[in-house]
Amino acid sequence: MKGGPTDDASGSPTPTVEIEGREIMALYLLLHGQDERLDDTLLSFLDRIEGMLYSRLSIEEMERIGELYERGIDVFSRGDDPTRY
């Protein structure tokens, strides 16, 4: 974990975790469809990673995100045509 912003209550650094592109995809696949089982913290996290993915992928690609993940594609590392998948 890395040190991040200071936590107001204790003055200690708030722990942060850096997540790579395929890890974001994996977490989305794990959490998506589990809405009824997630608490508010996980629902908020799911919304954030879903927003990240929708900023990179079309609706059609989001519908195939499981396939993209299984093919080993990291949608955050591509630098060219966003519709190539």
PDB file of N, CA and C in Angstrom:
ATOM      1  N   MET A   1       0.836  -1.169   0.000  1.00  0.00           N
ATOM      2  CA  MET A   1       0.000   0.000   0.000  1.00  0.00           C
ATOM      3  C   MET A   1       0.882   1.233   0.000  1.00  0.00           C
ATOM      4  N   LYS A   2       0.343   2.293  -0.551  1.00  0.00           N
ATOM      5  CA  LYS A   2       1.055   3.550  -0.598  1.00  0.00           C
ATOM      6  C   LYS A   2       0.426   4.528   0.373  1.00  0.00           C
ATOM      7  N   GLY A   3       1.206   5.473   0.842  1.00  0.00           N
ATOM      8  CA  GLY A   3       0.647   6.548   1.654  1.00  0.00           C
ATOM      9  C   GLY A   3      -0.108   7.513   0.762  1.00  0.00           C
ATOM     10  N   GLY A   4      -1.205   8.008   1.244  1.00  0.00           N
ATOM     11  CA  GLY A   4      -2.014   8.932   0.464  1.00  0.00           C
ATOM     12  C   GLY A   4      -2.352  10.144   1.283  1.00  0.00           C
ATOM     13  N   PRO A   5      -3.505  10.728   1.019  1.00  0.00           N
ATOM     14  CA  PRO A   5      -3.935  11.899   1.787  1.00  0.00           C
ATOM     15  C   PRO A   5      -4.043  11.570   3.269  1.00  0.00           C
ATOM     16  N   THR A   6      -3.955  12.585   4.090  1.00  0.00           N
ATOM     17  CA  THR A   6      -4.044  12.398   5.529  1.00  0.00           C
ATOM     18  C   THR A   6      -5.486  12.212   5.959  1.00  0.00           C
ATOM     19  N   ASP A   7      -5.717  11.236   6.824  1.00  0.00           N
ATOM     20  CA  ASP A   7      -7.025  10.997   7.406  1.00  0.00           C
ATOM     21  C   ASP A   7      -7.272  12.059   8.468  1.00  0.00           C
ATOM     22  N   ASP A   8      -8.397  12.783   8.374  1.00  0.00           N
ATOM     23  CA  ASP A   8      -8.689  13.881   9.298  1.00  0.00           C
ATOM     24  C   ASP A   8      -8.769  13.430  10.752  1.00  0.00           C
ATOM     25  N   ALA A   9      -9.322  12.257  11.014  1.00  0.00           N
ATOM     26  CA  ALA A   9      -9.554  11.816  12.387  1.00  0.00           C
ATOM     27  C   ALA A   9      -8.255  11.520  13.134  1.00  0.00           C
ATOM     28  N   SER A  10      -7.324  10.842  12.495  1.00  0.00           N
ATOM     29  CA  SER A  10      -6.135  10.414  13.227  1.00  0.00           C
ATOM     30  C   SER A  10      -4.860  11.133  12.813  1.00  0.00           C
ATOM     31  N   GLY A  11      -4.862  11.776  11.680  1.00  0.00           N
ATOM     32  CA  GLY A  11      -3.651  12.405  11.178  1.00  0.00           C
ATOM     33  C   GLY A  11      -2.735  11.426  10.473  1.00  0.00           C
ATOM     34  N   SER A  12      -3.115  10.142  10.458  1.00  0.00           N
ATOM     35  CA  SER A  12      -2.321   9.122   9.784  1.00  0.00           C
ATOM     36  C   SER A  12      -2.635   9.111   8.293  1.00  0.00           C
ATOM     37  N   PRO A  13      -1.669   8.706   7.483  1.00  0.00           N
ATOM     38  CA  PRO A  13      -1.952   8.611   6.051  1.00  0.00           C
ATOM     39  C   PRO A  13      -3.064   7.591   5.787  1.00  0.00           C
ATOM     40  N   THR A  14      -3.958   7.934   4.875  1.00  0.00           N
ATOM     41  CA  THR A  14      -5.004   7.008   4.458  1.00  0.00           C
ATOM     42  C   THR A  14      -4.377   6.034   3.465  1.00  0.00           C
ATOM     43  N   PRO A  15      -4.486   4.730   3.699  1.00  0.00           N
ATOM     44  CA  PRO A  15      -3.875   3.770   2.771  1.00  0.00           C
ATOM     45  C   PRO A  15      -4.575   3.801   1.415  1.00  0.00           C
ATOM     46  N   THR A  16      -3.808   3.649   0.367  1.00  0.00           N
ATOM     47  CA  THR A  16      -4.338   3.561  -0.987  1.00  0.00           C
ATOM     48  C   THR A  16      -3.728   2.350  -1.676  1.00  0.00           C
ATOM     49  N   VAL A  17      -4.426   1.871  -2.674  1.00  0.00           N
ATOM     50  CA  VAL A  17      -3.958   0.727  -3.451  1.00  0.00           C
ATOM     51  C   VAL A  17      -4.008   1.112  -4.921  1.00  0.00           C
ATOM     52  N   GLU A  18      -2.956   0.835  -5.642  1.00  0.00           N
ATOM     53  CA  GLU A  18      -2.929   1.088  -7.069  1.00  0.00           C
ATOM     54  C   GLU A  18      -3.460  -0.147  -7.791  1.00  0.00           C
ATOM     55  N   ILE A  19      -4.414   0.057  -8.697  1.00  0.00           N
ATOM     56  CA  ILE A  19      -5.032  -1.060  -9.412  1.00  0.00           C
ATOM     57  C   ILE A  19      -4.742  -0.910 -10.897  1.00  0.00           C
ATOM     58  N   GLU A  20      -4.225  -1.967 -11.508  1.00  0.00           N
ATOM     59  CA  GLU A  20      -3.893  -1.974 -12.924  1.00  0.00           C
ATOM     60  C   GLU A  20      -5.150  -2.230 -13.768  1.00  0.00           C
ATOM     61  N   GLY A  21      -5.060  -1.977 -15.054  1.00  0.00           N
ATOM     62  CA  GLY A  21      -6.194  -2.083 -15.970  1.00  0.00           C
ATOM     63  C   GLY A  21      -6.953  -3.398 -15.935  1.00  0.00           C
ATOM     64  N   ARG A  22      -6.246  -4.497 -16.091  1.00  0.00           N
ATOM     65  CA  ARG A  22      -6.941  -5.796 -16.084  1.00  0.00           C
ATOM     66  C   ARG A  22      -7.513  -6.114 -14.712  1.00  0.00           C
ATOM     67  N   GLU A  23      -6.892  -5.600 -13.667  1.00  0.00           N
ATOM     68  CA  GLU A  23      -7.432  -5.789 -12.324  1.00  0.00           C
ATOM     69  C   GLU A  23      -8.765  -5.058 -12.180  1.00  0.00           C
ATOM     70  N   ILE A  24      -8.876  -3.887 -12.790  1.00  0.00           N
ATOM     71  CA  ILE A  24     -10.146  -3.153 -12.779  1.00  0.00           C
ATOM     72  C   ILE A  24     -11.212  -3.967 -13.494  1.00  0.00           C
ATOM     73  N   MET A  25     -10.853  -4.541 -14.629  1.00  0.00           N
ATOM     74  CA  MET A  25     -11.799  -5.378 -15.372  1.00  0.00           C
ATOM     75  C   MET A  25     -12.233  -6.571 -14.516  1.00  0.00           C
ATOM     76  N   ALA A  26     -11.279  -7.216 -13.856  1.00  0.00           N
ATOM     77  CA  ALA A  26     -11.581  -8.386 -13.031  1.00  0.00           C
ATOM     78  C   ALA A  26     -12.503  -8.027 -11.872  1.00  0.00           C
ATOM     79  N   LEU A  27     -12.228  -6.911 -11.219  1.00  0.00           N
ATOM     80  CA  LEU A  27     -13.087  -6.485 -10.110  1.00  0.00           C
ATOM     81  C   LEU A  27     -14.489  -6.152 -10.587  1.00  0.00           C
ATOM     82  N   TYR A  28     -14.587  -5.515 -11.743  1.00  0.00           N
ATOM     83  CA  TYR A  28     -15.904  -5.213 -12.306  1.00  0.00           C
ATOM     84  C   TYR A  28     -16.672  -6.514 -12.552  1.00  0.00           C
ATOM     85  N   LEU A  29     -16.019  -7.475 -13.176  1.00  0.00           N
ATOM     86  CA  LEU A  29     -16.680  -8.753 -13.470  1.00  0.00           C
ATOM     87  C   LEU A  29     -17.095  -9.469 -12.190  1.00  0.00           C
ATOM     88  N   LEU A  30     -16.302  -9.366 -11.156  1.00  0.00           N
ATOM     89  CA  LEU A  30     -16.612  -9.998  -9.877  1.00  0.00           C
ATOM     90  C   LEU A  30     -17.822  -9.346  -9.209  1.00  0.00           C
ATOM     91  N   LEU A  31     -17.882  -8.015  -9.237  1.00  0.00           N
ATOM     92  CA  LEU A  31     -18.922  -7.284  -8.509  1.00  0.00           C
ATOM     93  C   LEU A  31     -20.201  -7.075  -9.311  1.00  0.00           C
ATOM     94  N   HIS A  32     -20.078  -6.950 -10.628  1.00  0.00           N
ATOM     95  CA  HIS A  32     -21.244  -6.669 -11.469  1.00  0.00           C
ATOM     96  C   HIS A  32     -22.274  -7.796 -11.351  1.00  0.00           C
ATOM     97  N   GLY A  33     -23.510  -7.438 -11.194  1.00  0.00           N
ATOM     98  CA  GLY A  33     -24.571  -8.423 -11.059  1.00  0.00           C
ATOM     99  C   GLY A  33     -24.794  -8.885  -9.626  1.00  0.00           C
ATOM    100  N   GLN A  34     -23.973  -8.394  -8.714  1.00  0.00           N
ATOM    101  CA  GLN A  34     -24.095  -8.757  -7.308  1.00  0.00           C
ATOM    102  C   GLN A  34     -24.695  -7.615  -6.488  1.00  0.00           C
ATOM    103  N   ASP A  35     -25.316  -6.647  -7.162  1.00  0.00           N
ATOM    104  CA  ASP A  35     -25.778  -5.417  -6.506  1.00  0.00           C
ATOM    105  C   ASP A  35     -26.544  -5.669  -5.206  1.00  0.00           C
ATOM    106  N   GLU A  36     -27.415  -6.649  -5.215  1.00  0.00           N
ATOM    107  CA  GLU A  36     -28.238  -6.905  -4.028  1.00  0.00           C
ATOM    108  C   GLU A  36     -27.425  -7.423  -2.845  1.00  0.00           C
ATOM    109  N   ARG A  37     -26.236  -7.903  -3.099  1.00  0.00           N
ATOM    110  CA  ARG A  37     -25.393  -8.451  -2.030  1.00  0.00           C
ATOM    111  C   ARG A  37     -24.322  -7.461  -1.569  1.00  0.00           C
ATOM    112  N   LEU A  38     -24.175  -6.324  -2.260  1.00  0.00           N
ATOM    113  CA  LEU A  38     -23.103  -5.387  -1.951  1.00  0.00           C
ATOM    114  C   LEU A  38     -23.566  -4.323  -0.966  1.00  0.00           C
ATOM    115  N   ASP A  39     -22.668  -3.935  -0.068  1.00  0.00           N
ATOM    116  CA  ASP A  39     -22.982  -2.833   0.837  1.00  0.00           C
ATOM    117  C   ASP A  39     -22.714  -1.509   0.112  1.00  0.00           C
ATOM    118  N   ASP A  40     -22.976  -0.403   0.779  1.00  0.00           N
ATOM    119  CA  ASP A  40     -22.840   0.914   0.154  1.00  0.00           C
ATOM    120  C   ASP A  40     -21.417   1.191  -0.334  1.00  0.00           C
ATOM    121  N   THR A  41     -20.429   0.747   0.406  1.00  0.00           N
ATOM    122  CA  THR A  41     -19.040   0.969   0.018  1.00  0.00           C
ATOM    123  C   THR A  41     -18.717   0.245  -1.285  1.00  0.00           C
ATOM    124  N   LEU A  42     -19.120  -1.016  -1.379  1.00  0.00           N
ATOM    125  CA  LEU A  42     -18.851  -1.776  -2.594  1.00  0.00           C
ATOM    126  C   LEU A  42     -19.677  -1.274  -3.772  1.00  0.00           C
ATOM    127  N   LEU A  43     -20.910  -0.836  -3.526  1.00  0.00           N
ATOM    128  CA  LEU A  43     -21.723  -0.263  -4.606  1.00  0.00           C
ATOM    129  C   LEU A  43     -21.072   1.007  -5.151  1.00  0.00           C
ATOM    130  N   SER A  44     -20.537   1.830  -4.260  1.00  0.00           N
ATOM    131  CA  SER A  44     -19.847   3.045  -4.686  1.00  0.00           C
ATOM    132  C   SER A  44     -18.598   2.700  -5.502  1.00  0.00           C
ATOM    133  N   PHE A  45     -17.852   1.703  -5.044  1.00  0.00           N
ATOM    134  CA  PHE A  45     -16.650   1.261  -5.758  1.00  0.00           C
ATOM    135  C   PHE A  45     -17.026   0.719  -7.131  1.00  0.00           C
ATOM    136  N   LEU A  46     -18.079  -0.088  -7.203  1.00  0.00           N
ATOM    137  CA  LEU A  46     -18.540  -0.627  -8.481  1.00  0.00           C
ATOM    138  C   LEU A  46     -18.923   0.506  -9.428  1.00  0.00           C
ATOM    139  N   ASP A  47     -19.618   1.516  -8.937  1.00  0.00           N
ATOM    140  CA  ASP A  47     -19.981   2.661  -9.773  1.00  0.00           C
ATOM    141  C   ASP A  47     -18.742   3.360 -10.326  1.00  0.00           C
ATOM    142  N   ARG A  48     -17.718   3.511  -9.492  1.00  0.00           N
ATOM    143  CA  ARG A  48     -16.489   4.174  -9.939  1.00  0.00           C
ATOM    144  C   ARG A  48     -15.774   3.380 -11.019  1.00  0.00           C
ATOM    145  N   ILE A  49     -15.635   2.074 -10.815  1.00  0.00           N
ATOM    146  CA  ILE A  49     -14.912   1.299 -11.827  1.00  0.00           C
ATOM    147  C   ILE A  49     -15.750   1.139 -13.101  1.00  0.00           C
ATOM    148  N   GLU A  50     -17.071   1.094 -12.949  1.00  0.00           N
ATOM    149  CA  GLU A  50     -17.932   1.039 -14.131  1.00  0.00           C
ATOM    150  C   GLU A  50     -17.761   2.324 -14.952  1.00  0.00           C
ATOM    151  N   GLY A  51     -17.692   3.462 -14.277  1.00  0.00           N
ATOM    152  CA  GLY A  51     -17.462   4.730 -14.970  1.00  0.00           C
ATOM    153  C   GLY A  51     -16.131   4.743 -15.706  1.00  0.00           C
ATOM    154  N   MET A  52     -15.098   4.186 -15.072  1.00  0.00           N
ATOM    155  CA  MET A  52     -13.787   4.102 -15.720  1.00  0.00           C
ATOM    156  C   MET A  52     -13.872   3.267 -16.989  1.00  0.00           C
ATOM    157  N   LEU A  53     -14.565   2.143 -16.902  1.00  0.00           N
ATOM    158  CA  LEU A  53     -14.684   1.255 -18.054  1.00  0.00           C
ATOM    159  C   LEU A  53     -15.515   1.885 -19.166  1.00  0.00           C
ATOM    160  N   TYR A  54     -16.632   2.518 -18.810  1.00  0.00           N
ATOM    161  CA  TYR A  54     -17.466   3.161 -19.822  1.00  0.00           C
ATOM    162  C   TYR A  54     -16.745   4.335 -20.487  1.00  0.00           C
ATOM    163  N   SER A  55     -15.770   4.924 -19.812  1.00  0.00           N
ATOM    164  CA  SER A  55     -15.007   6.007 -20.446  1.00  0.00           C
ATOM    165  C   SER A  55     -14.058   5.463 -21.511  1.00  0.00           C
ATOM    166  N   ARG A  56     -13.765   4.172 -21.458  1.00  0.00           N
ATOM    167  CA  ARG A  56     -12.837   3.542 -22.408  1.00  0.00           C
ATOM    168  C   ARG A  56     -13.520   2.664 -23.446  1.00  0.00           C
ATOM    169  N   LEU A  57     -14.708   2.156 -23.119  1.00  0.00           N
ATOM    170  CA  LEU A  57     -15.364   1.159 -23.967  1.00  0.00           C
ATOM    171  C   LEU A  57     -16.721   1.644 -24.455  1.00  0.00           C
ATOM    172  N   SER A  58     -17.110   1.126 -25.597  1.00  0.00           N
ATOM    173  CA  SER A  58     -18.460   1.377 -26.099  1.00  0.00           C
ATOM    174  C   SER A  58     -19.438   0.478 -25.338  1.00  0.00           C
ATOM    175  N   ILE A  59     -20.719   0.719 -25.522  1.00  0.00           N
ATOM    176  CA  ILE A  59     -21.739  -0.132 -24.900  1.00  0.00           C
ATOM    177  C   ILE A  59     -21.572  -1.568 -25.377  1.00  0.00           C
ATOM    178  N   GLU A  60     -21.316  -1.744 -26.666  1.00  0.00           N
ATOM    179  CA  GLU A  60     -21.132  -3.092 -27.213  1.00  0.00           C
ATOM    180  C   GLU A  60     -19.933  -3.793 -26.583  1.00  0.00           C
ATOM    181  N   GLU A  61     -18.850  -3.050 -26.378  1.00  0.00           N
ATOM    182  CA  GLU A  61     -17.668  -3.642 -25.744  1.00  0.00           C
ATOM    183  C   GLU A  61     -17.941  -3.973 -24.282  1.00  0.00           C
ATOM    184  N   MET A  62     -18.691  -3.121 -23.599  1.00  0.00           N
ATOM    185  CA  MET A  62     -19.048  -3.414 -22.199  1.00  0.00           C
ATOM    186  C   MET A  62     -19.882  -4.685 -22.121  1.00  0.00           C
ATOM    187  N   GLU A  63     -20.722  -4.924 -23.102  1.00  0.00           N
ATOM    188  CA  GLU A  63     -21.520  -6.147 -23.112  1.00  0.00           C
ATOM    189  C   GLU A  63     -20.647  -7.382 -23.302  1.00  0.00           C
ATOM    190  N   ARG A  64     -19.437  -7.184 -23.839  1.00  0.00           N
ATOM    191  CA  ARG A  64     -18.512  -8.295 -24.084  1.00  0.00           C
ATOM    192  C   ARG A  64     -17.287  -8.233 -23.181  1.00  0.00           C
ATOM    193  N   ILE A  65     -17.376  -7.516 -22.084  1.00  0.00           N
ATOM    194  CA  ILE A  65     -16.191  -7.311 -21.248  1.00  0.00           C
ATOM    195  C   ILE A  65     -15.627  -8.629 -20.716  1.00  0.00           C
ATOM    196  N   GLY A  66     -16.488  -9.594 -20.429  1.00  0.00           N
ATOM    197  CA  GLY A  66     -16.012 -10.905 -19.984  1.00  0.00           C
ATOM    198  C   GLY A  66     -15.157 -11.574 -21.047  1.00  0.00           C
ATOM    199  N   GLU A  67     -15.589 -11.459 -22.278  1.00  0.00           N
ATOM    200  CA  GLU A  67     -14.829 -12.031 -23.403  1.00  0.00           C
ATOM    201  C   GLU A  67     -13.487 -11.315 -23.564  1.00  0.00           C
ATOM    202  N   LEU A  68     -13.500  -9.985 -23.465  1.00  0.00           N
ATOM    203  CA  LEU A  68     -12.252  -9.222 -23.583  1.00  0.00           C
ATOM    204  C   LEU A  68     -11.277  -9.623 -22.483  1.00  0.00           C
ATOM    205  N   TYR A  69     -11.795  -9.774 -21.286  1.00  0.00           N
ATOM    206  CA  TYR A  69     -10.958 -10.175 -20.157  1.00  0.00           C
ATOM    207  C   TYR A  69     -10.373 -11.571 -20.380  1.00  0.00           C
ATOM    208  N   GLU A  70     -11.209 -12.506 -20.811  1.00  0.00           N
ATOM    209  CA  GLU A  70     -10.735 -13.873 -21.051  1.00  0.00           C
ATOM    210  C   GLU A  70      -9.684 -13.929 -22.149  1.00  0.00           C
ATOM    211  N   ARG A  71      -9.765 -13.016 -23.098  1.00  0.00           N
ATOM    212  CA  ARG A  71      -8.780 -12.959 -24.187  1.00  0.00           C
ATOM    213  C   ARG A  71      -7.491 -12.266 -23.760  1.00  0.00           C
ATOM    214  N   GLY A  72      -7.434 -11.800 -22.513  1.00  0.00           N
ATOM    215  CA  GLY A  72      -6.219 -11.182 -22.005  1.00  0.00           C
ATOM    216  C   GLY A  72      -6.036  -9.736 -22.431  1.00  0.00           C
ATOM    217  N   ILE A  73      -7.115  -9.084 -22.856  1.00  0.00           N
ATOM    218  CA  ILE A  73      -7.025  -7.711 -23.335  1.00  0.00           C
ATOM    219  C   ILE A  73      -7.140  -6.745 -22.149  1.00  0.00           C
ATOM    220  N   ASP A  74      -6.214  -5.810 -22.092  1.00  0.00           N
ATOM    221  CA  ASP A  74      -6.250  -4.747 -21.095  1.00  0.00           C
ATOM    222  C   ASP A  74      -6.735  -3.486 -21.806  1.00  0.00           C
ATOM    223  N   VAL A  75      -7.980  -3.126 -21.601  1.00  0.00           N
ATOM    224  CA  VAL A  75      -8.574  -2.005 -22.332  1.00  0.00           C
ATOM    225  C   VAL A  75      -7.974  -0.666 -21.917  1.00  0.00           C
ATOM    226  N   PHE A  76      -7.227  -0.624 -20.833  1.00  0.00           N
ATOM    227  CA  PHE A  76      -6.608   0.613 -20.393  1.00  0.00           C
ATOM    228  C   PHE A  76      -5.230   0.827 -20.996  1.00  0.00           C
ATOM    229  N   SER A  77      -4.666  -0.190 -21.640  1.00  0.00           N
ATOM    230  CA  SER A  77      -3.326  -0.053 -22.194  1.00  0.00           C
ATOM    231  C   SER A  77      -3.342   0.236 -23.683  1.00  0.00           C
ATOM    232  N   ARG A  78      -4.489   0.145 -24.318  1.00  0.00           N
ATOM    233  CA  ARG A  78      -4.518   0.382 -25.763  1.00  0.00           C
ATOM    234  C   ARG A  78      -4.342   1.874 -26.038  1.00  0.00           C
ATOM    235  N   GLY A  79      -3.599   2.164 -27.061  1.00  0.00           N
ATOM    236  CA  GLY A  79      -3.337   3.550 -27.379  1.00  0.00           C
ATOM    237  C   GLY A  79      -3.882   3.971 -28.717  1.00  0.00           C
ATOM    238  N   ASP A  80      -4.541   3.066 -29.398  1.00  0.00           N
ATOM    239  CA  ASP A  80      -4.981   3.389 -30.739  1.00  0.00           C
ATOM    240  C   ASP A  80      -6.517   3.403 -30.829  1.00  0.00           C
ATOM    241  N   ASP A  81      -7.058   2.934 -31.909  1.00  0.00           N
ATOM    242  CA  ASP A  81      -8.499   2.974 -32.185  1.00  0.00           C
ATOM    243  C   ASP A  81      -9.305   2.322 -31.071  1.00  0.00           C
ATOM    244  N   PRO A  82     -10.180   3.077 -30.408  1.00  0.00           N
ATOM    245  CA  PRO A  82     -10.948   2.533 -29.302  1.00  0.00           C
ATOM    246  C   PRO A  82     -12.014   1.519 -29.713  1.00  0.00           C
ATOM    247  N   THR A  83     -12.207   1.325 -31.006  1.00  0.00           N
ATOM    248  CA  THR A  83     -13.227   0.370 -31.459  1.00  0.00           C
ATOM    249  C   THR A  83     -12.600  -0.892 -32.041  1.00  0.00           C
ATOM    250  N   ARG A  84     -11.338  -1.119 -31.760  1.00  0.00           N
ATOM    251  CA  ARG A  84     -10.666  -2.273 -32.387  1.00  0.00           C
ATOM    252  C   ARG A  84     -11.040  -3.621 -31.795  1.00  0.00           C
ATOM    253  N   TYR A  85     -11.723  -3.641 -30.668  1.00  0.00           N
ATOM    254  CA  TYR A  85     -12.080  -4.919 -30.070  1.00  0.00           C
ATOM    255  C   TYR A  85     -13.401  -5.355 -30.602  1.00  0.00           C
TER     256      TYR A  85
END
